[in-house]
C-alpha atoms as a PDB file:
ATOM      1  CA  UNK A   1      59.392  11.809 -37.928  1.00  0.00           C
ATOM      2  CA  UNK A   2      60.382  14.186 -40.709  1.00  0.00           C
ATOM      3  CA  UNK A   3      58.410  14.948 -43.873  1.00  0.00           C
ATOM      4  CA  UNK A   4      60.564  12.604 -45.947  1.00  0.00           C
ATOM      5  CA  UNK A   5      59.790   9.667 -43.667  1.00  0.00           C
ATOM      6  CA  UNK A   6      56.075  10.492 -43.774  1.00  0.00           C
ATOM      7  CA  UNK A   7      56.191  10.605 -47.565  1.00  0.00           C
ATOM      8  CA  UNK A   8      58.039   7.279 -47.690  1.00  0.00           C
ATOM      9  CA  UNK A   9      55.547   5.594 -45.380  1.00  0.00           C
ATOM     10  CA  UNK A  10      52.619   6.920 -47.409  1.00  0.00           C
ATOM     11  CA  UNK A  11      54.255   5.845 -50.676  1.00  0.00           C
ATOM     12  CA  UNK A  12      54.891   2.360 -49.309  1.00  0.00           C
ATOM     13  CA  UNK A  13      51.269   1.996 -48.267  1.00  0.00           C
ATOM     14  CA  UNK A  14      50.015   3.244 -51.641  1.00  0.00           C
ATOM     15  CA  UNK A  15      52.349   0.845 -53.408  1.00  0.00           C
ATOM     16  CA  UNK A  16      51.030  -2.079 -51.409  1.00  0.00           C
ATOM     17  CA  UNK A  17      47.432  -1.006 -52.021  1.00  0.00           C
ATOM     18  CA  UNK A  18      48.083  -0.784 -55.774  1.00  0.00           C
ATOM     19  CA  UNK A  19      49.330  -4.378 -55.741  1.00  0.00           C
ATOM     20  CA  UNK A  20      46.339  -5.572 -53.766  1.00  0.00           C
ATOM     21  CA  UNK A  21      48.507  -6.484 -50.791  1.00  0.00           C
ATOM     22  CA  UNK A  22      47.435  -5.861 -47.213  1.00  0.00           C
ATOM     23  CA  UNK A  23      49.841  -3.389 -45.590  1.00  0.00           C
ATOM     24  CA  UNK A  24      51.957  -4.816 -42.807  1.00  0.00           C
ATOM     25  CA  UNK A  25      51.125  -3.770 -39.267  1.00  0.00           C
ATOM     26  CA  UNK A  26      54.542  -2.124 -39.028  1.00  0.00           C
ATOM     27  CA  UNK A  27      53.781   0.148 -41.977  1.00  0.00           C
ATOM     28  CA  UNK A  28      50.399   1.068 -40.511  1.00  0.00           C
ATOM     29  CA  UNK A  29      51.999   1.781 -37.162  1.00  0.00           C
ATOM     30  CA  UNK A  30      54.697   3.927 -38.769  1.00  0.00           C
ATOM     31  CA  UNK A  31      52.046   5.931 -40.603  1.00  0.00           C
ATOM     32  CA  UNK A  32      49.999   6.351 -37.438  1.00  0.00           C
ATOM     33  CA  UNK A  33      53.056   7.551 -35.537  1.00  0.00           C
ATOM     34  CA  UNK A  34      53.894   9.975 -38.340  1.00  0.00           C
ATOM     35  CA  UNK A  35      50.365  11.419 -38.327  1.00  0.00           C
ATOM     36  CA  UNK A  36      50.442  11.714 -34.551  1.00  0.00           C
ATOM     37  CA  UNK A  37      53.789  13.499 -34.723  1.00  0.00           C
ATOM     38  CA  UNK A  38      52.436  15.962 -37.269  1.00  0.00           C
ATOM     39  CA  UNK A  39      49.390  16.599 -35.081  1.00  0.00           C
ATOM     40  CA  UNK A  40      51.663  17.193 -32.089  1.00  0.00           C
ATOM     41  CA  UNK A  41      53.810  19.578 -34.120  1.00  0.00           C
ATOM     42  CA  UNK A  42      50.706  21.568 -35.091  1.00  0.00           C
ATOM     43  CA  UNK A  43      49.605  21.685 -31.439  1.00  0.00           C
ATOM     44  CA  UNK A  44      53.069  22.814 -30.394  1.00  0.00           C
ATOM     45  CA  UNK A  45      53.054  25.568 -32.995  1.00  0.00           C
ATOM     46  CA  UNK A  46      49.633  26.738 -31.817  1.00  0.00           C
ATOM     47  CA  UNK A  47      50.882  26.761 -28.243  1.00  0.00           C
ATOM     48  CA  UNK A  48      53.921  28.782 -29.277  1.00  0.00           C
ATOM     49  CA  UNK A  49      51.646  31.367 -30.909  1.00  0.00           C
ATOM     50  CA  UNK A  50      49.505  31.491 -27.759  1.00  0.00           C
ATOM     51  CA  UNK A  51      52.612  31.928 -25.633  1.00  0.00           C
ATOM     52  CA  UNK A  52      53.831  34.764 -27.839  1.00  0.00           C
ATOM     53  CA  UNK A  53      50.423  36.451 -27.600  1.00  0.00           C
ATOM     54  CA  UNK A  54      50.472  36.068 -23.830  1.00  0.00           C
ATOM     55  CA  UNK A  55      53.952  37.569 -23.642  1.00  0.00           C
ATOM     56  CA  UNK A  56      52.834  40.483 -25.806  1.00  0.00           C
ATOM     57  CA  UNK A  57      49.833  41.038 -23.546  1.00  0.00           C
ATOM     58  CA  UNK A  58      52.048  40.917 -20.479  1.00  0.00           C
ATOM     59  CA  UNK A  59      54.295  43.611 -21.935  1.00  0.00           C
ATOM     60  CA  UNK A  60      51.269  45.739 -22.855  1.00  0.00           C
ATOM     61  CA  UNK A  61      49.839  45.316 -19.345  1.00  0.00           C
ATOM     62  CA  UNK A  62      53.143  46.285 -17.771  1.00  0.00           C
ATOM     63  CA  UNK A  63      53.329  49.322 -20.019  1.00  0.00           C
ATOM     64  CA  UNK A  64      49.801  50.356 -19.103  1.00  0.00           C
ATOM     65  CA  UNK A  65      50.495  49.888 -15.407  1.00  0.00           C
ATOM     66  CA  UNK A  66      53.547  52.136 -15.686  1.00  0.00           C
ATOM     67  CA  UNK A  67      51.470  54.990 -17.054  1.00  0.00           C
END
């Protein structure tokens, strides 16, 4: 889910809360999915950084072994 969709879901929930209405299960589910997707994206980015660090270490190790 992109940032625009997350913002729309959050705005819809805030609008319902302002009117004193209980948010529909679908809106709650959409928000939960959006939050989960963001969490997964953060995890994926962290993994990408770890992978890059591992690749850098592998190159350094290969360079050291060659000397």
